[in-house]
Amino acid sequence: MALNTNKNYKLYYSIKEVAEMIGVNESLLRYWEKEFPQLKPKTGANRVRQYTDKDIEEIKVIYNLVKVRGFKIAAAKKMMHANRTGVDKSADVLETLISVKKQLTALKNQLNQIV
């Protein structure tokens, strides 16, 4: 059995944790659950939502379409249904660009401190 080098050992996340990760309100996540049938978090006995990593990736794609690219809900649904691989790739590219921007900002700050 191979050693798991993934530092993320958590299988499920609460709605509050996911909302903080994505930067949206919990109510918006609940709304998206109603609008996007592919977004179905597991619910426990007391109806507490439990999101998996797959659910979080789905939310990031929805966030990219609706909040970043400005699609209406209906257009986002259509886009996800018609061109799922293209939507996934654009979400991945966006995440990478945001990460690079953060790294460049940190590097700029370090350079400004030297000068």
Protein backbone atom coordinates (compact mmCIF):
# COMPACT_ATOMS: atom_id res chain seq x y z
CA MET A 1 0.00 0.00 0.00
CA ALA A 2 1.44 3.37 -1.02
CA LEU A 3 1.92 6.22 1.41
CA ASN A 4 -0.73 8.91 1.07
CA THR A 5 1.15 12.18 0.63
CA ASN A 6 -2.05 14.18 0.43
CA LYS A 7 -2.14 16.46 3.47
CA ASN A 8 -5.92 16.75 3.25
CA TYR A 9 -7.27 13.86 5.33
CA LYS A 10 -10.74 15.30 5.78
CA LEU A 11 -13.47 13.48 3.87
CA TYR A 12 -16.38 15.83 4.56
CA TYR A 13 -16.71 19.57 5.08
CA SER A 14 -19.55 21.53 6.66
CA ILE A 15 -21.44 24.16 4.72
CA LYS A 16 -19.75 26.85 6.81
CA GLU A 17 -16.27 25.55 5.93
CA VAL A 18 -17.11 25.37 2.23
CA ALA A 19 -18.64 28.86 2.23
CA GLU A 20 -15.44 30.24 3.79
CA MET A 21 -13.25 28.35 1.29
CA ILE A 22 -15.14 29.67 -1.71
CA GLY A 23 -15.89 33.12 -0.28
CA VAL A 24 -19.69 33.03 -0.52
CA ASN A 25 -22.63 32.90 1.88
CA GLU A 26 -24.06 29.62 3.11
CA SER A 27 -27.44 30.65 1.71
CA LEU A 28 -25.92 30.98 -1.76
CA LEU A 29 -24.62 27.41 -1.54
CA ARG A 30 -28.11 26.21 -0.57
CA TYR A 31 -29.57 28.11 -3.52
CA TRP A 32 -27.03 26.59 -5.92
CA GLU A 33 -27.98 23.13 -4.61
CA LYS A 34 -31.55 23.78 -5.76
CA GLU A 35 -30.50 25.17 -9.14
CA PHE A 36 -27.74 22.72 -10.09
CA PRO A 37 -28.89 19.09 -9.78
CA GLN A 38 -25.31 17.74 -9.97
CA LEU A 39 -24.52 19.49 -6.67
CA LYS A 40 -25.86 17.13 -4.02
CA PRO A 41 -23.91 17.04 -0.75
CA LYS A 42 -24.40 14.11 1.57
CA THR A 43 -26.80 14.78 4.45
CA GLY A 44 -26.59 13.10 7.81
CA ALA A 45 -29.38 11.95 10.10
CA ASN A 46 -29.94 15.48 11.38
CA ARG A 47 -29.93 16.88 7.80
CA VAL A 48 -26.49 18.48 8.16
CA ARG A 49 -24.84 18.95 4.77
CA GLN A 50 -21.51 17.21 4.30
CA TYR A 51 -19.53 18.27 1.23
CA THR A 52 -16.85 16.08 -0.36
CA ASP A 53 -13.86 17.30 -2.36
CA LYS A 54 -15.83 16.47 -5.52
CA ASP A 55 -18.69 18.70 -4.34
CA ILE A 56 -16.25 21.52 -3.64
CA GLU A 57 -14.77 21.22 -7.13
CA GLU A 58 -18.30 21.41 -8.54
CA ILE A 59 -18.96 24.55 -6.49
CA LYS A 60 -15.74 26.13 -7.76
CA VAL A 61 -16.87 25.53 -11.34
CA ILE A 62 -20.26 27.09 -10.61
CA TYR A 63 -18.58 30.02 -8.85
CA ASN A 64 -16.32 30.56 -11.86
CA LEU A 65 -19.25 30.62 -14.26
CA VAL A 66 -21.66 32.71 -12.20
CA LYS A 67 -19.49 35.06 -10.15
CA VAL A 68 -16.29 35.42 -12.17
CA ARG A 69 -17.54 35.13 -15.75
CA GLY A 70 -20.95 36.70 -15.04
CA PHE A 71 -23.22 34.01 -16.48
CA LYS A 72 -26.86 33.88 -15.43
CA ILE A 73 -27.91 30.67 -13.67
CA ALA A 74 -29.67 29.32 -16.78
CA ALA A 75 -26.65 30.03 -18.98
CA ALA A 76 -24.31 28.42 -16.44
CA LYS A 77 -26.49 25.29 -16.37
CA LYS A 78 -26.48 25.13 -20.16
CA MET A 79 -22.71 25.66 -20.31
CA MET A 80 -22.04 22.93 -17.76
CA HIS A 81 -24.33 20.51 -19.58
CA ALA A 82 -23.06 21.24 -23.10
CA ASN A 83 -19.33 21.64 -22.55
CA ARG A 84 -18.37 20.10 -19.23
CA THR A 85 -14.70 19.46 -20.04
CA GLY A 86 -14.17 23.01 -21.30
CA VAL A 87 -15.79 24.43 -18.18
CA ASP A 88 -13.59 22.27 -15.93
CA LYS A 89 -10.44 23.32 -17.76
CA SER A 90 -11.30 27.02 -17.57
CA ALA A 91 -11.93 26.69 -13.83
CA ASP A 92 -8.55 24.99 -13.40
CA VAL A 93 -6.82 27.70 -15.42
CA LEU A 94 -8.50 30.40 -13.34
CA GLU A 95 -7.38 28.73 -10.10
CA THR A 96 -3.81 28.52 -11.38
CA LEU A 97 -3.81 32.17 -12.42
CA ILE A 98 -5.09 33.27 -9.02
CA SER A 99 -2.36 31.23 -7.34
CA VAL A 100 0.33 32.77 -9.58
CA LYS A 101 -1.01 36.25 -8.87
CA LYS A 102 -0.77 35.65 -5.11
CA GLN A 103 2.81 34.40 -5.48
CA LEU A 104 3.80 37.39 -7.61
CA THR A 105 2.22 39.80 -5.13
CA ALA A 106 4.15 38.19 -2.28
CA LEU A 107 7.37 38.38 -4.30
CA LYS A 108 6.73 42.05 -5.11
CA ASN A 109 6.19 42.79 -1.42
CA GLN A 110 9.47 41.08 -0.55
CA LEU A 111 11.30 43.06 -3.20
CA ASN A 112 9.78 46.31 -1.93
CA GLN A 113 11.06 45.52 1.57
CA ILE A 114 14.60 45.02 0.24
CA VAL A 115 14.64 48.31 -1.64
